[in-house]
Amino acid sequence: MKFGPVQPEDAEGCVLAHSTKLPGLVLKKGHRLTTADCALLSEAGLETIVVARLEAGDLDEDTAAARLGQAAKGAGLYTDAPFTGRMNLFSDTDGVLVIDETAVTAANRIDPAITFATLANHTRVTPGRMVATAKIIPFAVADELLGKAETAVNSAVCVAPFSARKVGLIATSLPHLKPATMDKTRRILEDRLRASGSHIAAELRVDHTEEAVSTAISQMNASGMDLLILFGASAVVDREDVLPAALERAGGEIQHLGMPVDPGNLLMLGGLNATPVIGAPGCARSPKENGFDWILDRLLAGLEVSTHDITSMGVGGLLMEIGTRPQPRAPKASRSAPKVAAIILGAGKSSRMGGPNKLLAQLDGKSLIRHAAETVRDAELTETVLVTGHLAERVEAEVDDLDLKVTFNPDYADGMAGSIRAGMNALKTDPDAVVILLGDMPRITPEDLNRLIGAYRESSNNLIVTATADGKRGNPVLWDRRFFDALKSLTGDVGARHVIAENSGFVAEVELGDAARLDLDTPQALFAAGGQLPPDDGQ
């Protein structure tokens, strides 16, 4: 590829290096110039333009990115269409991301023009979560180099899907351990198992003695459990302690004791007759991420966990400050009078509406976006940001008399995540939490938003508060400030559902009825609700 300035008349077939504004037209970066484009550039008086000219043996950026992404894609993944030299890979299932790190590194070392990035190996993923991206930095790359990268990264990324398992829970008791604590431990474990479809098939509560635990292990194993989890009333601190001694007495073996993950150090991993046995650390009684999650997720995905695997977990094993999880060291919000801001998402293209912008549709004498804005105005909120995109000026005009900040998302066509990022970055204050509201939910009331805020105030464990309709989660959703960094780093068009799934222990639900899932995406749905399409919006 040759890169540099040329005269417009010599640029036909070249790739434009920088967006160029012409009278009534913008030629975007990466655009392949036609004869007509070159004529317009000359007429505009441009003496030179910077372009990239592909040579024999070169691949354009989109073709190269697509080939690299497809080469890396293994089971459990799907891709989007390549754009601007990038192809993204997404999880197609609930499971654990598995990466051949050596292969990815080898591909990245072939040439600086070729890059491939992923989430951390063995990350728990949900359907629709972006897990990797292939990016070609210049506008073209040599076919020969791309071929080497394809070979290096062949099937290097896949998702090991979760499988439903029958789990046997054995919990020991001592006088200091309250039954309520044991009940809570079971509920939190059930939450951890839910994503995989697994369940606690049986539970035995026994004395904290080697004999009692050994008998329980043998009984559970004989009943055909796929996985045994032991919660000791006292932590395991030695191979001769109660839980490991009981497993060996039952005929099992200790595979590994301890792990370089904090919290989670005091974990035991063993087995009995090919059935994995986990001795859970005390921190696993909490829903906060710890080393137990790392081992449990892999076993539920059918992955083997060796001593080598566990001893390799130290780098990245300090979990106290993980961005997508609540951070124990973060300042706690004042739950008596929290400062809660709101973000209204009003940037979408309304593609399912078949043309008109649904936010301009009328219901009960008001546009849908006006309904949302007035609801937020009348709730107990400190600040409101409206994110616009498609037909931004007309959407803004509907609410220009209200006290809210409007921010434009230039990438609105790329999906919801960009609008969430734009809204988060536009907040003027430093709130304790933020409510994210869809602009096309006209039946949400100020009282509904206040109920979400009330649930947030009720407990320091309610860090995500989501509306439900007949028990099914919908919108709006309130987010504690501990998730702000995660919201600002979202990508794609799946919103923040994966963050909710990964933090189920911190989610509170507030039943709002049908309003939480009212879908006015189509003309039929709008008419059924008593609404009217907006007049011609010039689209």
Protein backbone atom coordinates (compact mmCIF):
# COMPACT_ATOMS: atom_id res chain seq x y z
CA MET A 1 0.00 0.00 0.00
CA LYS A 2 1.20 3.49 -0.85
CA PHE A 3 0.11 6.36 1.36
CA GLY A 4 0.39 10.09 0.74
CA PRO A 5 -0.93 13.17 -1.05
CA VAL A 6 -2.05 13.06 -4.69
CA GLN A 7 -3.92 15.38 -7.01
CA PRO A 8 -7.69 14.69 -7.12
CA GLU A 9 -7.60 13.70 -10.76
CA ASP A 10 -5.11 10.94 -9.91
CA ALA A 11 -7.07 9.57 -6.94
CA GLU A 12 -9.73 7.40 -8.60
CA GLY A 13 -9.88 4.01 -6.88
CA CYS A 14 -7.83 5.21 -3.92
CA VAL A 15 -9.01 5.18 -0.32
CA LEU A 16 -9.56 8.58 1.27
CA ALA A 17 -7.37 8.93 4.38
CA HIS A 18 -9.29 11.75 6.09
CA SER A 19 -12.93 12.81 6.01
CA THR A 20 -13.34 15.72 3.61
CA LYS A 21 -16.20 18.20 3.61
CA LEU A 22 -17.52 19.45 0.28
CA PRO A 23 -20.48 21.71 -0.44
CA GLY A 24 -23.52 19.65 0.56
CA LEU A 25 -21.50 16.47 0.93
CA VAL A 26 -19.00 14.79 3.27
CA LEU A 27 -16.67 12.12 1.93
CA LYS A 28 -15.82 9.93 4.89
CA LYS A 29 -12.47 8.51 5.84
CA GLY A 30 -12.03 5.10 4.22
CA HIS A 31 -14.25 5.94 1.25
CA ARG A 32 -13.04 4.54 -2.08
CA LEU A 33 -13.01 7.45 -4.48
CA THR A 34 -14.95 7.32 -7.75
CA THR A 35 -14.51 9.39 -10.89
CA ALA A 36 -17.38 11.63 -9.76
CA ASP A 37 -15.80 12.08 -6.31
CA CYS A 38 -12.51 13.16 -7.87
CA ALA A 39 -14.32 15.68 -10.06
CA LEU A 40 -16.07 17.18 -7.01
CA LEU A 41 -12.77 17.43 -5.15
CA SER A 42 -11.20 19.27 -8.07
CA GLU A 43 -14.19 21.61 -8.39
CA ALA A 44 -13.86 22.42 -4.68
CA GLY A 45 -10.37 23.72 -5.36
CA LEU A 46 -8.42 21.04 -3.50
CA GLU A 47 -4.97 20.73 -5.00
CA THR A 48 -4.07 17.52 -3.16
CA ILE A 49 -5.78 14.95 -0.95
CA VAL A 50 -4.19 12.25 1.22
CA VAL A 51 -5.06 8.74 0.08
CA ALA A 52 -4.04 5.12 0.35
CA ARG A 53 -3.48 3.26 -2.89
CA LEU A 54 -3.71 -0.53 -2.73
CA GLU A 55 -1.05 -2.44 -4.59
CA ALA A 56 -0.99 -5.92 -6.04
CA GLY A 57 -1.29 -8.46 -3.26
CA ASP A 58 -3.01 -6.04 -0.85
CA LEU A 59 -6.31 -6.70 0.91
CA ASP A 60 -8.63 -3.85 1.84
CA GLU A 61 -9.16 -3.35 5.56
CA ASP A 62 -12.66 -4.84 5.78
CA THR A 63 -11.78 -7.96 3.83
CA ALA A 64 -8.67 -8.49 5.96
CA ALA A 65 -10.53 -7.92 9.24
CA ALA A 66 -13.27 -10.34 8.21
CA ARG A 67 -10.78 -13.05 7.33
CA LEU A 68 -8.87 -12.60 10.58
CA GLY A 69 -12.05 -12.66 12.68
CA GLN A 70 -13.41 -15.71 10.91
CA ALA A 71 -10.10 -17.51 11.31
CA ALA A 72 -10.08 -16.90 15.07
CA LYS A 73 -13.74 -17.80 15.59
CA GLY A 74 -14.34 -21.09 17.31
CA ALA A 75 -17.45 -22.72 18.73
CA GLY A 76 -20.05 -20.64 20.54
CA LEU A 77 -19.33 -17.38 18.71
CA TYR A 78 -20.81 -15.28 15.94
CA THR A 79 -19.51 -12.22 14.09
CA ASP A 80 -20.92 -8.95 12.83
CA ALA A 81 -20.24 -7.42 9.42
CA PRO A 82 -16.79 -5.84 9.06
CA PHE A 83 -16.68 -2.04 9.16
CA THR A 84 -13.82 0.48 9.14
CA GLY A 85 -11.30 -2.33 9.27
CA ARG A 86 -12.89 -4.06 12.27
CA MET A 87 -14.80 -7.28 12.83
CA ASN A 88 -16.22 -8.10 16.26
CA LEU A 89 -16.85 -11.53 17.75
CA PHE A 90 -19.77 -12.13 20.12
CA SER A 91 -20.77 -14.94 22.44
CA ASP A 92 -23.70 -16.99 21.24
CA THR A 93 -24.36 -18.65 24.60
CA ASP A 94 -23.89 -18.54 28.35
CA GLY A 95 -20.52 -20.00 29.21
CA VAL A 96 -16.82 -19.43 29.72
CA LEU A 97 -14.58 -17.74 27.17
CA VAL A 98 -11.60 -19.93 26.27
CA ILE A 99 -8.64 -18.37 24.48
CA ASP A 100 -5.42 -19.81 23.13
CA GLU A 101 -3.32 -16.95 24.47
CA THR A 102 -0.15 -18.14 22.72
CA ALA A 103 -1.94 -18.15 19.35
CA VAL A 104 -3.37 -14.65 19.82
CA THR A 105 0.01 -13.28 20.82
CA ALA A 106 1.66 -14.95 17.82
CA ALA A 107 -0.85 -13.36 15.44
CA ASN A 108 -0.31 -9.92 16.95
CA ARG A 109 3.44 -10.22 16.46
CA ILE A 110 3.29 -10.83 12.71
CA ASP A 111 2.87 -7.17 11.75
CA PRO A 112 1.77 -4.00 13.60
CA ALA A 113 -0.97 -3.53 11.01
CA ILE A 114 -2.73 -6.69 12.24
CA THR A 115 -4.29 -6.64 15.71
CA PHE A 116 -6.56 -9.00 17.60
CA ALA A 117 -7.88 -8.21 21.09
CA THR A 118 -10.02 -10.25 23.49
CA LEU A 119 -11.57 -10.19 26.93
CA ALA A 120 -9.57 -11.91 29.66
CA ASN A 121 -9.28 -15.65 29.28
CA HIS A 122 -11.95 -17.66 31.12
CA THR A 123 -14.30 -14.69 31.49
CA ARG A 124 -17.91 -15.69 32.13
CA VAL A 125 -19.95 -14.46 29.14
CA THR A 126 -23.59 -14.15 28.18
CA PRO A 127 -25.30 -14.20 24.75
CA GLY A 128 -24.54 -11.07 22.77
CA ARG A 129 -21.49 -10.01 24.74
CA MET A 130 -18.58 -8.88 22.58
CA VAL A 131 -15.57 -11.04 23.41
CA ALA A 132 -12.99 -10.16 20.75
CA THR A 133 -12.24 -7.79 17.90
CA ALA A 134 -10.06 -8.11 14.81
CA LYS A 135 -8.78 -4.70 13.70
CA ILE A 136 -6.63 -3.77 10.72
CA ILE A 137 -4.93 -0.47 11.52
CA PRO A 138 -4.09 0.89 8.03
CA PHE A 139 -6.44 0.83 5.07
CA ALA A 140 -4.93 -2.33 3.63
CA VAL A 141 -2.57 -5.15 4.51
CA ALA A 142 -0.56 -7.59 2.44
CA ASP A 143 -2.38 -10.84 1.72
CA GLU A 144 0.77 -12.77 2.62
CA LEU A 145 0.94 -11.26 6.11
CA LEU A 146 -2.77 -11.75 6.69
CA GLY A 147 -2.42 -15.41 5.72
CA LYS A 148 0.24 -15.90 8.37
CA ALA A 149 -2.00 -14.29 10.98
CA GLU A 150 -4.92 -16.52 9.97
CA THR A 151 -2.75 -19.59 10.43
CA ALA A 152 -1.48 -18.39 13.80
CA VAL A 153 -4.88 -17.50 15.27
CA ASN A 154 -6.81 -20.45 13.85
CA SER A 155 -9.82 -21.19 16.13
CA ALA A 156 -8.05 -19.48 19.03
CA VAL A 157 -11.25 -18.17 20.61
CA CYS A 158 -14.33 -20.14 21.63
CA VAL A 159 -16.97 -20.28 24.33
CA ALA A 160 -17.36 -23.41 26.41
CA PRO A 161 -21.12 -23.48 27.08
CA PHE A 162 -22.51 -24.12 30.51
CA SER A 163 -24.31 -27.39 31.11
CA ALA A 164 -27.01 -27.99 33.67
CA ARG A 165 -25.57 -29.94 36.62
CA LYS A 166 -27.07 -31.60 39.66
CA VAL A 167 -25.22 -30.09 42.59
CA GLY A 168 -25.00 -31.59 46.05
CA LEU A 169 -24.49 -29.08 48.87
CA ILE A 170 -22.95 -30.18 52.15
CA ALA A 171 -22.86 -27.53 54.87
CA THR A 172 -21.35 -28.05 58.29
CA SER A 173 -22.51 -26.37 61.46
CA LEU A 174 -20.94 -25.12 64.67
CA PRO A 175 -22.65 -23.26 67.54
CA HIS A 176 -21.59 -19.84 66.24
CA LEU A 177 -23.09 -20.34 62.76
CA LYS A 178 -26.70 -19.21 62.52
CA PRO A 179 -29.18 -21.19 60.39
CA ALA A 180 -30.09 -17.92 58.68
CA THR A 181 -26.49 -17.62 57.47
CA MET A 182 -26.65 -21.15 56.06
CA ASP A 183 -29.96 -20.32 54.35
CA LYS A 184 -28.44 -17.22 52.77
CA THR A 185 -25.40 -19.23 51.64
CA ARG A 186 -27.70 -21.61 49.79
CA ARG A 187 -29.59 -18.76 48.10
CA ILE A 188 -26.37 -17.12 46.93
CA LEU A 189 -25.11 -20.45 45.57
CA GLU A 190 -28.41 -20.92 43.72
CA ASP A 191 -27.90 -17.49 42.14
CA ARG A 192 -24.42 -18.54 40.99
CA LEU A 193 -25.78 -21.72 39.44
CA ARG A 194 -28.74 -20.13 37.67
CA ALA A 195 -26.92 -18.96 34.51
CA SER A 196 -25.88 -22.54 33.75
CA GLY A 197 -29.30 -24.06 34.40
CA SER A 198 -27.79 -26.01 37.28
CA HIS A 199 -29.55 -26.48 40.60
CA ILE A 200 -28.99 -27.74 44.11
CA ALA A 201 -30.51 -31.21 43.91
CA ALA A 202 -29.92 -32.00 47.58
CA GLU A 203 -28.52 -30.39 50.70
CA LEU A 204 -27.17 -32.02 53.85
CA ARG A 205 -26.39 -30.03 56.98
CA VAL A 206 -24.12 -31.95 59.28
CA ASP A 207 -21.83 -31.46 62.27
CA HIS A 208 -18.41 -30.03 61.58
CA THR A 209 -16.61 -33.35 62.09
CA GLU A 210 -14.56 -35.55 59.80
CA GLU A 211 -16.89 -38.51 60.24
CA ALA A 212 -20.13 -36.59 59.61
CA VAL A 213 -18.79 -34.87 56.51
CA SER A 214 -17.29 -38.10 55.14
CA THR A 215 -20.62 -39.88 55.48
CA ALA A 216 -22.43 -37.01 53.77
CA ILE A 217 -19.93 -37.00 50.89
CA SER A 218 -20.40 -40.72 50.31
CA GLN A 219 -24.19 -40.38 50.47
CA MET A 220 -24.24 -37.49 47.99
CA ASN A 221 -21.85 -39.23 45.61
CA ALA A 222 -23.97 -42.39 45.63
CA SER A 223 -27.05 -40.36 44.69
CA GLY A 224 -25.54 -39.38 41.33
CA MET A 225 -24.57 -35.75 41.83
CA ASP A 226 -22.53 -34.08 39.08
CA LEU A 227 -20.73 -31.75 41.48
CA LEU A 228 -20.31 -31.58 45.26
CA ILE A 229 -19.81 -28.29 47.08
CA LEU A 230 -18.75 -28.23 50.72
CA PHE A 231 -19.30 -25.18 52.91
CA GLY A 232 -17.46 -25.57 56.20
CA ALA A 233 -18.51 -23.71 59.33
CA SER A 234 -14.77 -23.14 59.81
CA ALA A 235 -12.24 -22.32 57.09
CA VAL A 236 -9.91 -24.97 55.68
CA VAL A 237 -6.37 -24.09 56.75
CA ASP A 238 -4.52 -27.40 56.33
CA ARG A 239 -4.72 -30.69 54.41
CA GLU A 240 -5.48 -32.43 57.71
CA ASP A 241 -8.42 -30.12 58.44
CA VAL A 242 -12.00 -31.41 58.59
CA LEU A 243 -13.11 -31.03 54.95
CA PRO A 244 -10.01 -32.40 53.17
CA ALA A 245 -9.65 -35.19 55.73
CA ALA A 246 -13.32 -36.11 55.27
CA LEU A 247 -12.97 -36.24 51.47
CA GLU A 248 -9.99 -38.59 51.71
CA ARG A 249 -11.82 -40.71 54.31
CA ALA A 250 -14.70 -41.07 51.81
CA GLY A 251 -12.24 -42.39 49.19
CA GLY A 252 -11.67 -39.14 47.35
CA GLU A 253 -8.48 -37.21 46.73
CA ILE A 254 -7.30 -33.65 47.24
CA GLN A 255 -6.24 -32.11 43.96
CA HIS A 256 -5.23 -28.71 45.27
CA LEU A 257 -5.58 -26.68 48.45
CA GLY A 258 -5.34 -22.90 48.35
CA MET A 259 -5.26 -20.51 45.41
CA PRO A 260 -3.50 -17.21 44.57
CA VAL A 261 -6.79 -15.33 44.26
CA ASP A 262 -7.95 -12.84 46.85
CA PRO A 263 -10.67 -13.18 48.03
CA GLY A 264 -10.74 -16.94 47.63
CA ASN A 265 -7.40 -18.13 49.02
CA LEU A 266 -8.82 -20.92 51.19
CA LEU A 267 -10.38 -23.04 48.45
CA MET A 268 -10.07 -26.80 48.17
CA LEU A 269 -10.46 -28.72 44.93
CA GLY A 270 -10.70 -32.47 44.85
CA GLY A 271 -12.68 -35.35 43.43
CA LEU A 272 -14.46 -38.60 44.21
CA ASN A 273 -15.19 -41.22 41.52
CA ALA A 274 -14.82 -38.60 38.73
CA THR A 275 -17.15 -36.18 40.54
CA PRO A 276 -15.53 -32.80 41.25
CA VAL A 277 -15.61 -31.66 44.87
CA ILE A 278 -15.11 -28.02 45.87
CA GLY A 279 -14.42 -26.95 49.41
CA ALA A 280 -15.71 -23.38 49.24
CA PRO A 281 -13.81 -20.54 50.92
CA GLY A 282 -15.71 -18.45 53.43
CA CYS A 283 -15.92 -15.52 50.99
CA ALA A 284 -18.18 -17.64 48.75
CA ARG A 285 -20.99 -16.94 51.23
CA SER A 286 -21.01 -13.46 49.66
CA PRO A 287 -22.20 -12.75 46.11
CA LYS A 288 -19.09 -10.67 45.44
CA GLU A 289 -16.73 -12.21 42.92
CA ASN A 290 -14.02 -14.41 44.40
CA GLY A 291 -11.82 -17.33 43.44
CA PHE A 292 -14.68 -19.78 43.99
CA ASP A 293 -16.48 -18.24 40.98
CA TRP A 294 -13.48 -18.88 38.75
CA ILE A 295 -13.37 -22.58 39.62
CA LEU A 296 -17.13 -23.09 39.64
CA ASP A 297 -17.65 -21.46 36.23
CA ARG A 298 -15.03 -23.65 34.60
CA LEU A 299 -16.47 -26.84 36.05
CA LEU A 300 -20.00 -25.88 35.00
CA ALA A 301 -18.66 -25.34 31.47
CA GLY A 302 -17.09 -28.80 31.43
CA LEU A 303 -13.52 -27.52 31.60
CA GLU A 304 -10.86 -29.36 33.55
CA VAL A 305 -9.12 -27.41 36.30
CA SER A 306 -5.59 -28.51 37.14
CA THR A 307 -3.09 -27.46 39.77
CA HIS A 308 -1.23 -25.67 36.98
CA ASP A 309 -4.40 -23.73 36.13
CA ILE A 310 -4.95 -22.67 39.74
CA THR A 311 -1.36 -21.63 40.37
CA SER A 312 -1.50 -19.51 37.17
CA MET A 313 -4.35 -17.37 38.50
CA GLY A 314 -2.24 -14.97 40.56
CA VAL A 315 -1.81 -12.35 37.84
CA GLY A 316 -5.21 -10.68 37.85
CA GLY A 317 -6.18 -12.56 40.97
CA LEU A 318 -6.53 -9.48 43.17
CA LEU A 319 -10.26 -9.01 42.78
CA MET A 320 -10.93 -6.19 45.19
CA GLU A 321 -10.91 -3.52 42.47
CA ILE A 322 -12.53 -5.25 39.49
CA GLY A 323 -14.35 -2.58 37.47
CA THR A 324 -17.44 -4.59 36.51
CA ARG A 325 -18.03 -5.74 40.08
CA PRO A 326 -18.95 -3.68 43.13
CA GLN A 327 -15.77 -2.37 44.71
CA PRO A 328 -15.53 -2.86 48.47
CA ARG A 329 -13.18 0.11 48.82
CA ALA A 330 -15.43 2.53 46.95
CA PRO A 331 -17.13 5.22 49.08
CA LYS A 332 -20.62 4.17 50.06
CA ALA A 333 -23.51 6.32 48.92
CA SER A 334 -25.67 8.01 51.51
CA ARG A 335 -28.68 5.72 51.45
CA SER A 336 -30.86 8.13 53.41
CA ALA A 337 -30.72 10.82 50.72
CA PRO A 338 -28.82 9.53 47.68
CA LYS A 339 -28.15 11.79 44.72
CA VAL A 340 -29.71 10.00 41.75
CA ALA A 341 -29.40 11.27 38.17
CA ALA A 342 -31.31 10.09 35.10
CA ILE A 343 -30.34 9.33 31.51
CA ILE A 344 -33.05 9.15 28.84
CA LEU A 345 -32.01 7.18 25.76
CA GLY A 346 -33.53 8.90 22.74
CA ALA A 347 -31.02 8.36 19.95
CA GLY A 348 -32.21 5.24 18.09
CA LYS A 349 -33.24 5.01 14.46
CA SER A 350 -36.63 3.33 15.17
CA SER A 351 -35.95 0.85 12.37
CA ARG A 352 -38.80 -1.45 13.40
CA MET A 353 -41.26 1.44 13.11
CA GLY A 354 -40.72 1.35 9.35
CA GLY A 355 -39.72 4.97 8.83
CA PRO A 356 -40.99 7.48 11.38
CA ASN A 357 -39.06 8.22 14.56
CA LYS A 358 -41.17 6.54 17.24
CA LEU A 359 -40.15 9.10 19.87
CA LEU A 360 -42.16 11.70 17.95
CA ALA A 361 -45.27 9.49 17.89
CA GLN A 362 -48.26 10.85 19.83
CA LEU A 363 -49.95 9.16 22.78
CA ASP A 364 -52.50 10.90 24.97
CA GLY A 365 -51.71 14.21 23.28
CA LYS A 366 -47.95 14.08 23.85
CA SER A 367 -44.95 12.65 22.04
CA LEU A 368 -43.38 9.56 23.58
CA ILE A 369 -40.17 11.45 24.38
CA ARG A 370 -42.23 14.16 26.11
CA HIS A 371 -43.84 11.50 28.32
CA ALA A 372 -40.40 10.22 29.37
CA ALA A 373 -38.99 13.69 30.00
CA GLU A 374 -41.92 14.81 32.13
CA THR A 375 -41.77 11.61 34.14
CA VAL A 376 -38.14 12.25 34.97
CA ARG A 377 -38.85 15.92 35.73
CA ASP A 378 -41.41 14.99 38.39
CA ALA A 379 -39.36 12.28 40.10
CA GLU A 380 -36.83 12.59 42.92
CA LEU A 381 -33.82 13.13 40.66
CA THR A 382 -30.95 15.59 40.79
CA GLU A 383 -30.05 15.81 37.10
CA THR A 384 -31.30 14.57 33.73
CA VAL A 385 -29.42 13.94 30.49
CA LEU A 386 -31.26 13.24 27.23
CA VAL A 387 -29.17 11.44 24.61
CA THR A 388 -30.23 12.22 21.05
CA GLY A 389 -29.13 10.90 17.68
CA HIS A 390 -31.62 10.20 14.87
CA LEU A 391 -33.56 13.42 14.04
CA ALA A 392 -31.89 15.01 17.05
CA GLU A 393 -33.22 18.52 16.51
CA ARG A 394 -36.84 17.39 16.31
CA VAL A 395 -36.52 15.20 19.38
CA GLU A 396 -34.88 18.02 21.33
CA ALA A 397 -37.58 20.46 20.25
CA GLU A 398 -40.18 18.30 21.99
CA VAL A 399 -38.59 18.95 25.39
CA ASP A 400 -36.69 22.22 24.96
CA ASP A 401 -38.73 23.91 27.70
CA LEU A 402 -37.75 21.35 30.33
CA ASP A 403 -34.74 21.52 32.63
CA LEU A 404 -32.53 18.82 31.19
CA LYS A 405 -29.21 18.56 29.45
CA VAL A 406 -29.15 17.29 25.87
CA THR A 407 -26.13 15.48 24.46
CA PHE A 408 -25.78 14.19 20.90
CA ASN A 409 -24.45 10.70 20.20
CA PRO A 410 -22.83 10.81 16.73
CA ASP A 411 -22.52 7.02 16.75
CA TYR A 412 -26.20 6.38 17.47
CA ALA A 413 -26.50 3.95 14.55
CA ASP A 414 -24.01 1.60 16.22
CA GLY A 415 -26.33 0.63 19.06
CA MET A 416 -27.50 1.35 22.57
CA ALA A 417 -24.12 1.04 24.26
CA GLY A 418 -22.83 4.21 22.61
CA SER A 419 -25.82 6.17 23.88
CA ILE A 420 -25.30 4.89 27.42
CA ARG A 421 -21.64 5.93 27.23
CA ALA A 422 -22.59 9.37 25.89
CA GLY A 423 -25.12 9.88 28.66
CA MET A 424 -22.73 8.81 31.40
CA ASN A 425 -20.00 11.09 30.11
CA ALA A 426 -22.40 14.05 29.94
CA LEU A 427 -23.39 13.97 33.62
CA LYS A 428 -22.41 17.28 35.22
CA THR A 429 -22.67 16.20 38.85
CA ASP A 430 -21.17 13.27 40.71
CA PRO A 431 -24.28 11.24 41.60
CA ASP A 432 -24.49 8.21 43.85
CA ALA A 433 -26.57 6.37 41.26
CA VAL A 434 -28.14 6.81 37.84
CA VAL A 435 -31.47 5.64 36.40
CA ILE A 436 -31.34 4.73 32.70
CA LEU A 437 -34.74 5.15 31.04
CA LEU A 438 -35.76 4.33 27.48
CA GLY A 439 -37.34 7.25 25.65
CA ASP A 440 -40.25 5.16 24.35
CA MET A 441 -41.73 4.05 27.69
CA PRO A 442 -44.69 6.41 28.14
CA ARG A 443 -46.41 4.47 30.92
CA ILE A 444 -43.54 4.75 33.40
CA THR A 445 -44.57 7.27 36.06
CA PRO A 446 -42.62 9.49 38.47
CA GLU A 447 -43.87 7.24 41.27
CA ASP A 448 -42.34 4.24 39.49
CA LEU A 449 -38.94 5.94 39.39
CA ASN A 450 -39.27 6.89 43.05
CA ARG A 451 -39.98 3.25 43.89
CA LEU A 452 -36.70 2.23 42.24
CA ILE A 453 -34.90 4.89 44.26
CA GLY A 454 -36.68 3.70 47.40
CA ALA A 455 -35.48 0.13 46.82
CA TYR A 456 -31.97 1.47 46.35
CA ARG A 457 -32.18 3.27 49.68
CA GLU A 458 -33.45 0.20 51.51
CA SER A 459 -30.25 -1.84 51.42
CA SER A 460 -26.56 -1.27 50.73
CA ASN A 461 -26.68 -4.58 48.84
CA ASN A 462 -29.17 -3.20 46.28
CA LEU A 463 -26.60 -1.87 43.82
CA ILE A 464 -28.69 -2.55 40.70
CA VAL A 465 -32.46 -2.00 40.86
CA THR A 466 -34.43 -3.18 37.86
CA ALA A 467 -38.10 -2.85 37.02
CA THR A 468 -40.10 -6.00 36.31
CA ALA A 469 -43.41 -6.89 34.70
CA ASP A 470 -44.96 -10.08 36.07
CA GLY A 471 -41.53 -11.09 37.32
CA LYS A 472 -39.76 -10.51 33.98
CA ARG A 473 -37.05 -7.88 33.99
CA GLY A 474 -37.57 -4.75 31.94
CA ASN A 475 -36.81 -1.05 32.23
CA PRO A 476 -35.87 1.37 33.77
CA VAL A 477 -32.77 0.20 35.66
CA LEU A 478 -30.99 2.05 38.46
CA TRP A 479 -27.21 1.65 38.76
CA ASP A 480 -25.01 2.41 41.75
CA ARG A 481 -21.91 4.50 41.06
CA ARG A 482 -19.74 1.41 41.48
CA PHE A 483 -20.86 0.34 38.01
CA PHE A 484 -20.25 3.69 36.29
CA ASP A 485 -16.93 2.56 34.79
CA ALA A 486 -18.60 -0.57 33.42
CA LEU A 487 -21.38 1.52 31.84
CA LYS A 488 -18.83 3.86 30.25
CA SER A 489 -17.04 0.91 28.62
CA LEU A 490 -20.06 -0.81 27.02
CA THR A 491 -19.96 -1.75 23.34
CA GLY A 492 -22.48 -3.04 20.78
CA ASP A 493 -26.27 -3.00 20.89
CA VAL A 494 -26.99 -5.22 23.90
CA GLY A 495 -26.98 -2.57 26.58
CA ALA A 496 -25.80 -3.63 30.02
CA ARG A 497 -27.64 -6.94 30.39
CA HIS A 498 -24.43 -8.89 30.86
CA VAL A 499 -23.41 -6.66 33.77
CA ILE A 500 -26.71 -7.48 35.49
CA ALA A 501 -26.23 -11.20 34.82
CA GLU A 502 -22.71 -11.13 36.25
CA ASN A 503 -23.83 -9.39 39.44
CA SER A 504 -27.06 -11.19 40.28
CA GLY A 505 -26.36 -11.06 44.01
CA PHE A 506 -26.60 -7.27 43.96
CA VAL A 507 -29.81 -6.99 41.93
CA ALA A 508 -33.11 -5.89 43.47
CA GLU A 509 -36.34 -6.12 41.49
CA VAL A 510 -39.31 -3.76 41.70
CA GLU A 511 -42.56 -4.92 40.13
CA LEU A 512 -44.04 -2.11 38.01
CA GLY A 513 -46.47 -4.13 35.92
CA ASP A 514 -46.89 -3.90 32.14
CA ALA A 515 -45.28 -0.45 31.95
CA ALA A 516 -41.84 -2.01 32.53
CA ARG A 517 -42.01 -4.02 29.31
CA LEU A 518 -44.36 -1.95 27.14
CA ASP A 519 -42.91 -2.22 23.64
CA LEU A 520 -43.95 0.44 21.12
CA ASP A 521 -41.36 -0.46 18.49
CA THR A 522 -43.86 -1.17 15.71
CA PRO A 523 -46.84 0.74 14.25
CA GLN A 524 -49.13 -2.12 15.34
CA ALA A 525 -47.95 -1.85 18.97
CA LEU A 526 -48.34 1.92 18.89
CA PHE A 527 -51.89 1.73 17.51
CA ALA A 528 -52.81 -0.96 20.04
CA ALA A 529 -51.74 1.40 22.83
CA GLY A 530 -53.92 4.18 21.40
CA GLY A 531 -51.09 6.14 19.80
CA GLN A 532 -50.61 7.82 16.45
CA LEU A 533 -47.67 7.94 14.07
CA PRO A 534 -45.89 11.28 13.78
CA PRO A 535 -46.24 13.34 10.60
CA ASP A 536 -43.66 12.96 7.85
CA ASP A 537 -40.30 13.51 9.57
CA GLY A 538 -38.32 13.97 6.39
CA GLN A 539 -36.49 10.69 6.64
